[in-house]
């Protein structure tokens, strides 16, 4: 794990919460610090949503805890029962992320056994921590999922390029293959999460401009194309080497994969405004992709051993090529995502 902005902001949020508690002469400050830690979110929208949800569930939890404290005092079984009720309500309201801080509030309030002043103090401490995290998150190094997304896209493409170029030729070491493939899978999963964050920020906080909506289409297709490339690697690992293959067949697969990753590379360079649209290259790629699948199907008609396995690999390669064609069309009809993102 590397040191990042979120770690720094969590520490600053805790610091702000503790100082706020001191200025307001409240105690104990521990609750505000805990709430600040839980409340730090990866995007502006999620920070706002978390703040609103926590306000609702914390107030509700404090009220239930007050009633429970008045009726049953602070008996352990009563505290546990109220916690169960609060968890059920949070899940019913689809606010599962708020459960942790809300339960801290419930337990602290029930400790007062029905004393309103004490309960209000405990609720205030939780809200101070949540508000501190929200303020720090939008002021200090605001989340920029687009910048992170673009960096991850390029890193993931480099890993995919290495793996696809050596997948059939079997040149790369086994340990490196597994390490790079796991890293690529993690990168794709991280990209999926960051895409959701960008989509939430765009749709929920304000009405997006046309250029922003188009940019999201590009990002989505970039992710889909990487995912299809990863599925090609999976198919090769699970099926290709289990089938009977000639040296000529290996050479054909290797050459076609090289052509595909080169085309993918050219598309990424177009998004960086380093290459001009090239209709001839796109046409040749589409024809070669169709021709490759047709030639492979003819070979499988000979019913060689493992033909079904090779047909699965070919289908995945063809689908990857199809997604590349779609990505290339977007690249030919739009500017750089990075330039659009800075406007």
C-alpha atoms as a PDB file:
ATOM      1  CA  UNK A   1       0.000   0.000   0.000  1.00  0.00           C
ATOM      2  CA  UNK A   2       1.351   3.429  -0.991  1.00  0.00           C
ATOM      3  CA  UNK A   3       0.851   6.700   0.813  1.00  0.00           C
ATOM      4  CA  UNK A   4      -1.897   8.657  -0.911  1.00  0.00           C
ATOM      5  CA  UNK A   5      -4.142  11.685  -0.604  1.00  0.00           C
ATOM      6  CA  UNK A   6      -6.891   9.756   1.165  1.00  0.00           C
ATOM      7  CA  UNK A   7      -4.519   8.726   3.968  1.00  0.00           C
ATOM      8  CA  UNK A   8      -3.373  12.311   4.403  1.00  0.00           C
ATOM      9  CA  UNK A   9      -6.933  13.635   4.399  1.00  0.00           C
ATOM     10  CA  UNK A  10      -8.059  11.059   6.953  1.00  0.00           C
ATOM     11  CA  UNK A  11      -5.363  12.269   9.332  1.00  0.00           C
ATOM     12  CA  UNK A  12      -6.329  15.907   8.711  1.00  0.00           C
ATOM     13  CA  UNK A  13     -10.012  15.113   9.257  1.00  0.00           C
ATOM     14  CA  UNK A  14      -9.260  13.480  12.600  1.00  0.00           C
ATOM     15  CA  UNK A  15      -7.133  16.491  13.585  1.00  0.00           C
ATOM     16  CA  UNK A  16      -9.889  18.939  12.626  1.00  0.00           C
ATOM     17  CA  UNK A  17     -12.501  16.906  14.498  1.00  0.00           C
ATOM     18  CA  UNK A  18     -10.390  16.808  17.675  1.00  0.00           C
ATOM     19  CA  UNK A  19      -9.706  20.553  17.540  1.00  0.00           C
ATOM     20  CA  UNK A  20     -13.415  21.268  16.966  1.00  0.00           C
ATOM     21  CA  UNK A  21     -14.286  19.182  20.020  1.00  0.00           C
ATOM     22  CA  UNK A  22     -11.737  21.127  22.085  1.00  0.00           C
ATOM     23  CA  UNK A  23     -13.076  24.494  20.861  1.00  0.00           C
ATOM     24  CA  UNK A  24     -16.653  23.466  21.723  1.00  0.00           C
ATOM     25  CA  UNK A  25     -15.524  22.054  25.064  1.00  0.00           C
ATOM     26  CA  UNK A  26     -17.073  18.629  24.423  1.00  0.00           C
ATOM     27  CA  UNK A  27     -15.856  15.220  25.522  1.00  0.00           C
ATOM     28  CA  UNK A  28     -14.768  12.555  24.943  1.00  0.00           C
ATOM     29  CA  UNK A  29     -12.990  13.518  21.669  1.00  0.00           C
ATOM     30  CA  UNK A  30     -12.428   9.863  20.752  1.00  0.00           C
ATOM     31  CA  UNK A  31     -15.915   9.567  19.236  1.00  0.00           C
ATOM     32  CA  UNK A  32     -15.369  12.483  16.879  1.00  0.00           C
ATOM     33  CA  UNK A  33     -12.051  11.007  15.713  1.00  0.00           C
ATOM     34  CA  UNK A  34     -13.610   7.595  15.046  1.00  0.00           C
ATOM     35  CA  UNK A  35     -16.476   9.174  13.083  1.00  0.00           C
ATOM     36  CA  UNK A  36     -14.001  11.180  10.963  1.00  0.00           C
ATOM     37  CA  UNK A  37     -12.073   8.009  10.058  1.00  0.00           C
ATOM     38  CA  UNK A  38     -15.214   6.191   8.891  1.00  0.00           C
ATOM     39  CA  UNK A  39     -16.556   9.211   7.004  1.00  0.00           C
ATOM     40  CA  UNK A  40     -13.663   9.765   4.554  1.00  0.00           C
ATOM     41  CA  UNK A  41     -14.989   8.830   1.085  1.00  0.00           C
ATOM     42  CA  UNK A  42     -13.326   8.450  -2.352  1.00  0.00           C
ATOM     43  CA  UNK A  43     -15.493  11.021  -4.204  1.00  0.00           C
ATOM     44  CA  UNK A  44     -17.339  14.304  -3.632  1.00  0.00           C
ATOM     45  CA  UNK A  45     -20.748  12.735  -4.296  1.00  0.00           C
ATOM     46  CA  UNK A  46     -20.145   9.842  -1.915  1.00  0.00           C
ATOM     47  CA  UNK A  47     -18.925  12.283   0.742  1.00  0.00           C
ATOM     48  CA  UNK A  48     -22.155  14.273   0.405  1.00  0.00           C
ATOM     49  CA  UNK A  49     -24.303  11.146   0.329  1.00  0.00           C
ATOM     50  CA  UNK A  50     -22.512   9.730   3.360  1.00  0.00           C
ATOM     51  CA  UNK A  51     -23.010  12.989   5.279  1.00  0.00           C
ATOM     52  CA  UNK A  52     -26.764  13.027   4.593  1.00  0.00           C
ATOM     53  CA  UNK A  53     -27.171   9.326   5.382  1.00  0.00           C
ATOM     54  CA  UNK A  54     -25.194   9.638   8.613  1.00  0.00           C
ATOM     55  CA  UNK A  55     -27.297  12.575   9.752  1.00  0.00           C
ATOM     56  CA  UNK A  56     -30.420  10.480   9.303  1.00  0.00           C
ATOM     57  CA  UNK A  57     -29.204   7.223  10.814  1.00  0.00           C
ATOM     58  CA  UNK A  58     -27.314   8.844  13.688  1.00  0.00           C
ATOM     59  CA  UNK A  59     -30.321  10.892  14.766  1.00  0.00           C
ATOM     60  CA  UNK A  60     -32.541   7.829  14.438  1.00  0.00           C
ATOM     61  CA  UNK A  61     -30.034   5.696  16.332  1.00  0.00           C
ATOM     62  CA  UNK A  62     -29.707   8.297  19.086  1.00  0.00           C
ATOM     63  CA  UNK A  63     -33.498   8.493  19.509  1.00  0.00           C
ATOM     64  CA  UNK A  64     -33.834   4.691  19.707  1.00  0.00           C
ATOM     65  CA  UNK A  65     -30.902   4.540  22.113  1.00  0.00           C
ATOM     66  CA  UNK A  66     -32.539   7.210  24.299  1.00  0.00           C
ATOM     67  CA  UNK A  67     -35.789   5.291  24.407  1.00  0.00           C
ATOM     68  CA  UNK A  68     -33.937   2.041  25.106  1.00  0.00           C
ATOM     69  CA  UNK A  69     -31.927   3.695  27.853  1.00  0.00           C
ATOM     70  CA  UNK A  70     -35.055   5.127  29.479  1.00  0.00           C
ATOM     71  CA  UNK A  71     -36.863   1.780  29.367  1.00  0.00           C
ATOM     72  CA  UNK A  72     -34.064  -0.695  30.054  1.00  0.00           C
ATOM     73  CA  UNK A  73     -31.229   1.450  31.412  1.00  0.00           C
ATOM     74  CA  UNK A  74     -27.808   0.420  30.058  1.00  0.00           C
ATOM     75  CA  UNK A  75     -28.136  -3.335  30.518  1.00  0.00           C
ATOM     76  CA  UNK A  76     -25.881  -5.185  28.031  1.00  0.00           C
ATOM     77  CA  UNK A  77     -28.772  -7.202  26.607  1.00  0.00           C
ATOM     78  CA  UNK A  78     -30.722  -3.990  25.980  1.00  0.00           C
ATOM     79  CA  UNK A  79     -27.742  -2.385  24.232  1.00  0.00           C
ATOM     80  CA  UNK A  80     -27.365  -5.430  22.007  1.00  0.00           C
ATOM     81  CA  UNK A  81     -31.089  -5.468  21.188  1.00  0.00           C
ATOM     82  CA  UNK A  82     -31.112  -1.785  20.189  1.00  0.00           C
ATOM     83  CA  UNK A  83     -28.007  -2.345  18.050  1.00  0.00           C
ATOM     84  CA  UNK A  84     -29.774  -5.166  16.192  1.00  0.00           C
ATOM     85  CA  UNK A  85     -32.817  -2.953  15.571  1.00  0.00           C
ATOM     86  CA  UNK A  86     -30.615  -0.106  14.281  1.00  0.00           C
ATOM     87  CA  UNK A  87     -28.721  -2.458  11.941  1.00  0.00           C
ATOM     88  CA  UNK A  88     -32.003  -3.773  10.526  1.00  0.00           C
ATOM     89  CA  UNK A  89     -33.281  -0.241   9.925  1.00  0.00           C
ATOM     90  CA  UNK A  90     -30.036   0.884   8.249  1.00  0.00           C
ATOM     91  CA  UNK A  91     -30.113  -2.118   5.912  1.00  0.00           C
ATOM     92  CA  UNK A  92     -33.792  -1.559   5.161  1.00  0.00           C
ATOM     93  CA  UNK A  93     -33.040   2.061   4.239  1.00  0.00           C
ATOM     94  CA  UNK A  94     -30.068   0.859   2.116  1.00  0.00           C
ATOM     95  CA  UNK A  95     -27.630   2.794   4.292  1.00  0.00           C
ATOM     96  CA  UNK A  96     -25.371  -0.081   5.259  1.00  0.00           C
ATOM     97  CA  UNK A  97     -22.222   2.066   5.095  1.00  0.00           C
ATOM     98  CA  UNK A  98     -23.468   4.164   8.017  1.00  0.00           C
ATOM     99  CA  UNK A  99     -23.856   1.248  10.422  1.00  0.00           C
ATOM    100  CA  UNK A 100     -20.395   1.494  12.025  1.00  0.00           C
ATOM    101  CA  UNK A 101     -20.581   5.114  13.215  1.00  0.00           C
ATOM    102  CA  UNK A 102     -24.285   4.823  14.047  1.00  0.00           C
ATOM    103  CA  UNK A 103     -23.642   1.896  16.388  1.00  0.00           C
ATOM    104  CA  UNK A 104     -20.874   3.856  18.123  1.00  0.00           C
ATOM    105  CA  UNK A 105     -23.451   6.618  18.714  1.00  0.00           C
ATOM    106  CA  UNK A 106     -26.066   4.132  19.956  1.00  0.00           C
ATOM    107  CA  UNK A 107     -23.727   2.512  22.475  1.00  0.00           C
ATOM    108  CA  UNK A 108     -22.474   5.878  23.712  1.00  0.00           C
ATOM    109  CA  UNK A 109     -25.993   7.285  24.094  1.00  0.00           C
ATOM    110  CA  UNK A 110     -27.288   4.204  25.929  1.00  0.00           C
ATOM    111  CA  UNK A 111     -24.459   4.608  28.386  1.00  0.00           C
ATOM    112  CA  UNK A 112     -26.345   7.710  29.635  1.00  0.00           C
ATOM    113  CA  UNK A 113     -29.442   5.637  30.494  1.00  0.00           C
ATOM    114  CA  UNK A 114     -31.903   8.217  29.202  1.00  0.00           C
ATOM    115  CA  UNK A 115     -30.121  11.507  30.023  1.00  0.00           C
ATOM    116  CA  UNK A 116     -30.956  13.871  27.157  1.00  0.00           C
ATOM    117  CA  UNK A 117     -28.040  16.251  27.653  1.00  0.00           C
ATOM    118  CA  UNK A 118     -25.539  13.402  27.665  1.00  0.00           C
ATOM    119  CA  UNK A 119     -27.185  11.859  24.589  1.00  0.00           C
ATOM    120  CA  UNK A 120     -27.082  15.150  22.689  1.00  0.00           C
ATOM    121  CA  UNK A 121     -23.395  15.507  23.525  1.00  0.00           C
ATOM    122  CA  UNK A 122     -22.609  12.059  22.126  1.00  0.00           C
ATOM    123  CA  UNK A 123     -24.622  12.689  18.966  1.00  0.00           C
ATOM    124  CA  UNK A 124     -22.864  16.015  18.453  1.00  0.00           C
ATOM    125  CA  UNK A 125     -19.448  14.347  18.699  1.00  0.00           C
ATOM    126  CA  UNK A 126     -20.317  11.897  15.917  1.00  0.00           C
ATOM    127  CA  UNK A 127     -21.688  14.621  13.662  1.00  0.00           C
ATOM    128  CA  UNK A 128     -18.605  16.793  14.229  1.00  0.00           C
ATOM    129  CA  UNK A 129     -16.372  13.940  13.048  1.00  0.00           C
ATOM    130  CA  UNK A 130     -18.513  13.286   9.958  1.00  0.00           C
ATOM    131  CA  UNK A 131     -18.680  16.984   9.058  1.00  0.00           C
ATOM    132  CA  UNK A 132     -14.911  17.370   9.551  1.00  0.00           C
ATOM    133  CA  UNK A 133     -14.237  14.555   7.075  1.00  0.00           C
ATOM    134  CA  UNK A 134     -16.642  16.109   4.544  1.00  0.00           C
ATOM    135  CA  UNK A 135     -14.997  19.552   4.793  1.00  0.00           C
ATOM    136  CA  UNK A 136     -11.462  18.173   4.454  1.00  0.00           C
ATOM    137  CA  UNK A 137     -12.452  15.950   1.520  1.00  0.00           C
ATOM    138  CA  UNK A 138     -13.833  18.815  -0.584  1.00  0.00           C
ATOM    139  CA  UNK A 139     -11.170  21.411   0.347  1.00  0.00           C
ATOM    140  CA  UNK A 140      -7.871  19.506   0.624  1.00  0.00           C
ATOM    141  CA  UNK A 141      -6.844  17.731  -2.599  1.00  0.00           C
ATOM    142  CA  UNK A 142     -10.417  17.072  -3.822  1.00  0.00           C
ATOM    143  CA  UNK A 143     -10.861  13.576  -5.316  1.00  0.00           C
ATOM    144  CA  UNK A 144      -9.995  13.479  -9.035  1.00  0.00           C
ATOM    145  CA  UNK A 145     -11.064  10.030 -10.229  1.00  0.00           C
ATOM    146  CA  UNK A 146     -10.551  11.040 -13.883  1.00  0.00           C
ATOM    147  CA  UNK A 147      -6.834  11.645 -13.413  1.00  0.00           C
ATOM    148  CA  UNK A 148      -6.469   8.346 -11.552  1.00  0.00           C
ATOM    149  CA  UNK A 149      -8.562   6.570 -14.178  1.00  0.00           C
ATOM    150  CA  UNK A 150      -6.432   7.758 -17.084  1.00  0.00           C
ATOM    151  CA  UNK A 151      -3.237   6.753 -15.282  1.00  0.00           C
ATOM    152  CA  UNK A 152      -4.624   3.295 -14.505  1.00  0.00           C
ATOM    153  CA  UNK A 153      -5.829   2.846 -18.099  1.00  0.00           C
ATOM    154  CA  UNK A 154      -2.311   3.353 -19.428  1.00  0.00           C
ATOM    155  CA  UNK A 155      -0.733   1.145 -16.800  1.00  0.00           C
ATOM    156  CA  UNK A 156      -3.250  -1.636 -17.473  1.00  0.00           C
ATOM    157  CA  UNK A 157      -2.691  -1.356 -21.226  1.00  0.00           C
ATOM    158  CA  UNK A 158       1.078  -1.757 -20.790  1.00  0.00           C
ATOM    159  CA  UNK A 159       0.493  -4.926 -18.769  1.00  0.00           C
ATOM    160  CA  UNK A 160      -2.003  -6.263 -21.323  1.00  0.00           C
ATOM    161  CA  UNK A 161       0.440  -5.487 -24.142  1.00  0.00           C
ATOM    162  CA  UNK A 162       3.221  -7.474 -22.521  1.00  0.00           C
ATOM    163  CA  UNK A 163       0.990 -10.449 -21.740  1.00  0.00           C
ATOM    164  CA  UNK A 164      -0.738 -10.671 -25.142  1.00  0.00           C
ATOM    165  CA  UNK A 165       2.519 -10.295 -27.085  1.00  0.00           C
ATOM    166  CA  UNK A 166       4.018 -13.262 -25.218  1.00  0.00           C
ATOM    167  CA  UNK A 167       0.884 -15.316 -24.504  1.00  0.00           C
ATOM    168  CA  UNK A 168       1.239 -17.785 -27.380  1.00  0.00           C
ATOM    169  CA  UNK A 169       4.998 -17.614 -27.965  1.00  0.00           C
ATOM    170  CA  UNK A 170       5.513 -18.769 -24.366  1.00  0.00           C
ATOM    171  CA  UNK A 171       8.581 -16.530 -23.942  1.00  0.00           C
ATOM    172  CA  UNK A 172       7.731 -14.959 -20.621  1.00  0.00           C
ATOM    173  CA  UNK A 173       8.499 -16.633 -17.276  1.00  0.00           C
ATOM    174  CA  UNK A 174       5.622 -18.371 -15.480  1.00  0.00           C
ATOM    175  CA  UNK A 175       6.101 -16.354 -12.300  1.00  0.00           C
ATOM    176  CA  UNK A 176       6.026 -13.103 -14.262  1.00  0.00           C
ATOM    177  CA  UNK A 177       2.878 -14.183 -16.126  1.00  0.00           C
ATOM    178  CA  UNK A 178       0.945 -14.865 -12.927  1.00  0.00           C
ATOM    179  CA  UNK A 179       2.210 -11.713 -11.244  1.00  0.00           C
ATOM    180  CA  UNK A 180       1.401  -9.459 -14.205  1.00  0.00           C
ATOM    181  CA  UNK A 181      -1.972 -11.081 -14.777  1.00  0.00           C
ATOM    182  CA  UNK A 182      -3.010 -10.632 -11.138  1.00  0.00           C
ATOM    183  CA  UNK A 183      -1.851  -7.018 -11.320  1.00  0.00           C
ATOM    184  CA  UNK A 184      -3.852  -6.505 -14.530  1.00  0.00           C
ATOM    185  CA  UNK A 185      -6.967  -8.000 -12.941  1.00  0.00           C
ATOM    186  CA  UNK A 186      -6.592  -5.693  -9.917  1.00  0.00           C
ATOM    187  CA  UNK A 187      -6.155  -2.705 -12.228  1.00  0.00           C
ATOM    188  CA  UNK A 188      -9.326  -3.566 -14.178  1.00  0.00           C
ATOM    189  CA  UNK A 189     -11.303  -3.972 -10.949  1.00  0.00           C
ATOM    190  CA  UNK A 190      -9.971  -0.636  -9.711  1.00  0.00           C
ATOM    191  CA  UNK A 191     -10.918   0.976 -13.027  1.00  0.00           C
ATOM    192  CA  UNK A 192     -14.462  -0.374 -12.708  1.00  0.00           C
ATOM    193  CA  UNK A 193     -14.778   1.178  -9.252  1.00  0.00           C
ATOM    194  CA  UNK A 194     -13.386   4.526 -10.387  1.00  0.00           C
ATOM    195  CA  UNK A 195     -15.732   4.541 -13.371  1.00  0.00           C
ATOM    196  CA  UNK A 196     -18.657   4.161 -10.973  1.00  0.00           C
ATOM    197  CA  UNK A 197     -17.351   7.079  -8.897  1.00  0.00           C
ATOM    198  CA  UNK A 198     -17.105   9.317 -11.989  1.00  0.00           C
ATOM    199  CA  UNK A 199     -20.554   8.251 -13.152  1.00  0.00           C
ATOM    200  CA  UNK A 200     -22.045   9.062  -9.738  1.00  0.00           C
ATOM    201  CA  UNK A 201     -20.367  12.467  -9.587  1.00  0.00           C
ATOM    202  CA  UNK A 202     -21.540  13.321 -13.080  1.00  0.00           C
ATOM    203  CA  UNK A 203     -25.138  12.145 -12.788  1.00  0.00           C
ATOM    204  CA  UNK A 204     -25.963  13.004  -9.179  1.00  0.00           C
ATOM    205  CA  UNK A 205     -24.184  16.307  -8.499  1.00  0.00           C
ATOM    206  CA  UNK A 206     -25.069  18.254 -11.639  1.00  0.00           C
ATOM    207  CA  UNK A 207     -26.303  17.940 -15.206  1.00  0.00           C
ATOM    208  CA  UNK A 208     -23.302  16.927 -17.332  1.00  0.00           C
ATOM    209  CA  UNK A 209     -22.222  18.763 -20.476  1.00  0.00           C
ATOM    210  CA  UNK A 210     -22.288  16.920 -23.788  1.00  0.00           C
ATOM    211  CA  UNK A 211     -18.474  16.773 -23.872  1.00  0.00           C
ATOM    212  CA  UNK A 212     -18.448  15.221 -20.372  1.00  0.00           C
ATOM    213  CA  UNK A 213     -21.035  12.619 -21.336  1.00  0.00           C
ATOM    214  CA  UNK A 214     -19.039  11.760 -24.453  1.00  0.00           C
ATOM    215  CA  UNK A 215     -15.919  11.443 -22.368  1.00  0.00           C
ATOM    216  CA  UNK A 216     -17.663   8.918 -20.119  1.00  0.00           C
ATOM    217  CA  UNK A 217     -18.602   6.886 -23.213  1.00  0.00           C
ATOM    218  CA  UNK A 218     -14.909   6.824 -24.154  1.00  0.00           C
ATOM    219  CA  UNK A 219     -13.841   5.783 -20.664  1.00  0.00           C
ATOM    220  CA  UNK A 220     -16.431   3.006 -20.616  1.00  0.00           C
ATOM    221  CA  UNK A 221     -15.272   1.644 -23.973  1.00  0.00           C
ATOM    222  CA  UNK A 222     -11.621   1.808 -22.880  1.00  0.00           C
ATOM    223  CA  UNK A 223     -12.525  -0.306 -19.853  1.00  0.00           C
ATOM    224  CA  UNK A 224     -14.620  -2.756 -21.879  1.00  0.00           C
ATOM    225  CA  UNK A 225     -11.783  -3.214 -24.382  1.00  0.00           C
ATOM    226  CA  UNK A 226      -9.234  -3.902 -21.634  1.00  0.00           C
ATOM    227  CA  UNK A 227     -11.618  -6.392 -20.076  1.00  0.00           C
ATOM    228  CA  UNK A 228     -12.008  -8.229 -23.380  1.00  0.00           C
ATOM    229  CA  UNK A 229      -8.247  -8.332 -23.762  1.00  0.00           C
ATOM    230  CA  UNK A 230      -8.010  -9.898 -20.313  1.00  0.00           C
ATOM    231  CA  UNK A 231     -10.615 -12.498 -21.335  1.00  0.00           C
ATOM    232  CA  UNK A 232      -8.385 -13.421 -24.290  1.00  0.00           C
ATOM    233  CA  UNK A 233      -5.571 -14.121 -21.824  1.00  0.00           C
ATOM    234  CA  UNK A 234      -7.934 -16.258 -19.749  1.00  0.00           C
ATOM    235  CA  UNK A 235      -9.051 -18.237 -22.805  1.00  0.00           C
ATOM    236  CA  UNK A 236      -5.447 -18.850 -23.895  1.00  0.00           C
ATOM    237  CA  UNK A 237      -4.484 -20.033 -20.429  1.00  0.00           C
ATOM    238  CA  UNK A 238      -7.472 -22.366 -20.061  1.00  0.00           C
ATOM    239  CA  UNK A 239      -7.823 -23.724 -23.604  1.00  0.00           C
ATOM    240  CA  UNK A 240      -5.048 -22.896 -26.052  1.00  0.00           C
ATOM    241  CA  UNK A 241      -2.196 -24.972 -24.665  1.00  0.00           C
ATOM    242  CA  UNK A 242      -4.504 -27.951 -24.062  1.00  0.00           C
ATOM    243  CA  UNK A 243      -5.220 -28.257 -27.791  1.00  0.00           C
ATOM    244  CA  UNK A 244      -3.037 -29.911 -30.458  1.00  0.00           C
ATOM    245  CA  UNK A 245      -1.297 -27.142 -32.407  1.00  0.00           C
ATOM    246  CA  UNK A 246       1.207 -26.985 -35.225  1.00  0.00           C
ATOM    247  CA  UNK A 247       4.080 -24.515 -35.416  1.00  0.00           C
ATOM    248  CA  UNK A 248       2.228 -22.810 -38.262  1.00  0.00           C
ATOM    249  CA  UNK A 249      -0.897 -22.383 -36.110  1.00  0.00           C
ATOM    250  CA  UNK A 250       1.124 -20.957 -33.238  1.00  0.00           C
ATOM    251  CA  UNK A 251       2.702 -18.476 -35.626  1.00  0.00           C
ATOM    252  CA  UNK A 252      -0.718 -17.429 -36.980  1.00  0.00           C
ATOM    253  CA  UNK A 253      -2.137 -16.802 -33.502  1.00  0.00           C
ATOM    254  CA  UNK A 254       0.986 -14.967 -32.371  1.00  0.00           C
ATOM    255  CA  UNK A 255       1.032 -12.723 -35.452  1.00  0.00           C
ATOM    256  CA  UNK A 256      -2.644 -11.837 -35.100  1.00  0.00           C
ATOM    257  CA  UNK A 257      -2.301 -11.000 -31.396  1.00  0.00           C
ATOM    258  CA  UNK A 258       0.682  -8.795 -32.227  1.00  0.00           C
ATOM    259  CA  UNK A 259      -1.387  -6.963 -34.816  1.00  0.00           C
ATOM    260  CA  UNK A 260      -4.234  -6.456 -32.339  1.00  0.00           C
ATOM    261  CA  UNK A 261      -2.107  -5.044 -29.543  1.00  0.00           C
ATOM    262  CA  UNK A 262      -0.359  -2.772 -32.046  1.00  0.00           C
ATOM    263  CA  UNK A 263      -3.734  -1.463 -33.198  1.00  0.00           C
ATOM    264  CA  UNK A 264      -4.744  -0.968 -29.553  1.00  0.00           C
ATOM    265  CA  UNK A 265      -1.520   0.967 -29.010  1.00  0.00           C
ATOM    266  CA  UNK A 266      -2.245   3.219 -31.995  1.00  0.00           C
ATOM    267  CA  UNK A 267      -5.741   3.928 -30.656  1.00  0.00           C
ATOM    268  CA  UNK A 268      -4.335   5.007 -27.283  1.00  0.00           C
ATOM    269  CA  UNK A 269      -1.887   7.308 -29.093  1.00  0.00           C
ATOM    270  CA  UNK A 270      -4.830   8.901 -30.897  1.00  0.00           C
ATOM    271  CA  UNK A 271      -6.425   9.711 -27.556  1.00  0.00           C
ATOM    272  CA  UNK A 272      -3.132  11.342 -26.588  1.00  0.00           C
ATOM    273  CA  UNK A 273      -3.342  13.464 -29.773  1.00  0.00           C
ATOM    274  CA  UNK A 274      -0.136  11.893 -31.105  1.00  0.00           C
ATOM    275  CA  UNK A 275      -1.586  10.049 -34.118  1.00  0.00           C
ATOM    276  CA  UNK A 276      -4.023  11.151 -36.796  1.00  0.00           C
ATOM    277  CA  UNK A 277      -7.140   9.134 -37.708  1.00  0.00           C
ATOM    278  CA  UNK A 278      -6.235   6.370 -40.147  1.00  0.00           C
ATOM    279  CA  UNK A 279      -9.229   4.928 -41.964  1.00  0.00           C
ATOM    280  CA  UNK A 280      -7.066   2.554 -44.032  1.00  0.00           C
ATOM    281  CA  UNK A 281      -5.510   0.975 -40.940  1.00  0.00           C
ATOM    282  CA  UNK A 282      -8.949   0.518 -39.356  1.00  0.00           C
ATOM    283  CA  UNK A 283     -10.331  -1.078 -42.521  1.00  0.00           C
ATOM    284  CA  UNK A 284      -7.382  -3.454 -42.839  1.00  0.00           C
ATOM    285  CA  UNK A 285      -7.658  -4.411 -39.186  1.00  0.00           C
ATOM    286  CA  UNK A 286     -11.381  -5.231 -39.481  1.00  0.00           C
ATOM    287  CA  UNK A 287     -10.751  -7.310 -42.626  1.00  0.00           C
ATOM    288  CA  UNK A 288      -7.862  -9.173 -41.010  1.00  0.00           C
ATOM    289  CA  UNK A 289      -9.937  -9.867 -37.898  1.00  0.00           C
ATOM    290  CA  UNK A 290     -12.755 -11.344 -40.006  1.00  0.00           C
ATOM    291  CA  UNK A 291     -10.273 -13.285 -42.144  1.00  0.00           C
ATOM    292  CA  UNK A 292      -8.537 -14.705 -39.085  1.00  0.00           C
ATOM    293  CA  UNK A 293     -11.778 -16.061 -37.642  1.00  0.00           C
ATOM    294  CA  UNK A 294     -12.797 -17.540 -41.015  1.00  0.00           C
ATOM    295  CA  UNK A 295      -9.444 -19.271 -41.488  1.00  0.00           C
ATOM    296  CA  UNK A 296      -9.529 -20.692 -38.001  1.00  0.00           C
ATOM    297  CA  UNK A 297     -13.051 -22.021 -38.502  1.00  0.00           C
ATOM    298  CA  UNK A 298     -11.878 -23.777 -41.676  1.00  0.00           C
ATOM    299  CA  UNK A 299      -9.101 -25.421 -39.711  1.00  0.00           C
ATOM    300  CA  UNK A 300     -11.556 -26.566 -37.039  1.00  0.00           C
ATOM    301  CA  UNK A 301     -13.702 -28.138 -39.744  1.00  0.00           C
ATOM    302  CA  UNK A 302     -10.890 -30.666 -40.122  1.00  0.00           C
ATOM    303  CA  UNK A 303     -11.850 -31.796 -36.598  1.00  0.00           C
ATOM    304  CA  UNK A 304      -8.360 -31.677 -35.193  1.00  0.00           C
ATOM    305  CA  UNK A 305      -7.967 -32.669 -31.549  1.00  0.00           C
ATOM    306  CA  UNK A 306      -8.861 -29.709 -29.352  1.00  0.00           C
ATOM    307  CA  UNK A 307     -10.741 -27.838 -32.105  1.00  0.00           C
ATOM    308  CA  UNK A 308     -13.459 -26.772 -29.680  1.00  0.00           C
ATOM    309  CA  UNK A 309     -10.883 -25.268 -27.335  1.00  0.00           C
ATOM    310  CA  UNK A 310      -9.268 -23.340 -30.175  1.00  0.00           C
ATOM    311  CA  UNK A 311     -12.660 -22.093 -31.342  1.00  0.00           C
ATOM    312  CA  UNK A 312     -13.254 -20.617 -27.868  1.00  0.00           C
ATOM    313  CA  UNK A 313      -9.913 -18.800 -28.014  1.00  0.00           C
ATOM    314  CA  UNK A 314     -10.625 -17.539 -31.538  1.00  0.00           C
ATOM    315  CA  UNK A 315     -14.048 -16.246 -30.513  1.00  0.00           C
ATOM    316  CA  UNK A 316     -12.544 -14.299 -27.610  1.00  0.00           C
ATOM    317  CA  UNK A 317      -9.863 -12.846 -29.886  1.00  0.00           C
ATOM    318  CA  UNK A 318     -12.505 -11.824 -32.429  1.00  0.00           C
ATOM    319  CA  UNK A 319     -14.591 -10.119 -29.719  1.00  0.00           C
ATOM    320  CA  UNK A 320     -11.522  -8.235 -28.490  1.00  0.00           C
ATOM    321  CA  UNK A 321     -10.964  -7.054 -32.056  1.00  0.00           C
ATOM    322  CA  UNK A 322     -14.595  -5.946 -32.331  1.00  0.00           C
ATOM    323  CA  UNK A 323     -14.252  -3.835 -29.177  1.00  0.00           C
ATOM    324  CA  UNK A 324     -11.033  -2.349 -30.564  1.00  0.00           C
ATOM    325  CA  UNK A 325     -12.907  -1.276 -33.696  1.00  0.00           C
ATOM    326  CA  UNK A 326     -15.532   0.475 -31.564  1.00  0.00           C
ATOM    327  CA  UNK A 327     -12.843   2.197 -29.499  1.00  0.00           C
ATOM    328  CA  UNK A 328     -11.067   3.304 -32.668  1.00  0.00           C
ATOM    329  CA  UNK A 329     -14.233   4.934 -34.003  1.00  0.00           C
ATOM    330  CA  UNK A 330     -14.504   6.931 -30.788  1.00  0.00           C
ATOM    331  CA  UNK A 331     -10.849   7.941 -31.069  1.00  0.00           C
ATOM    332  CA  UNK A 332     -11.312   9.101 -34.667  1.00  0.00           C
ATOM    333  CA  UNK A 333     -14.321  11.290 -33.792  1.00  0.00           C
ATOM    334  CA  UNK A 334     -13.291  12.891 -30.531  1.00  0.00           C
ATOM    335  CA  UNK A 335     -10.466  14.825 -28.899  1.00  0.00           C
ATOM    336  CA  UNK A 336      -8.189  13.603 -26.143  1.00  0.00           C
ATOM    337  CA  UNK A 337      -9.998  12.624 -22.895  1.00  0.00           C
ATOM    338  CA  UNK A 338      -7.256  14.394 -20.974  1.00  0.00           C
ATOM    339  CA  UNK A 339      -7.794  17.664 -22.869  1.00  0.00           C
ATOM    340  CA  UNK A 340     -11.571  17.457 -22.389  1.00  0.00           C
ATOM    341  CA  UNK A 341     -11.134  16.718 -18.723  1.00  0.00           C
ATOM    342  CA  UNK A 342      -9.129  19.920 -18.243  1.00  0.00           C
ATOM    343  CA  UNK A 343     -11.716  22.182 -19.833  1.00  0.00           C
END
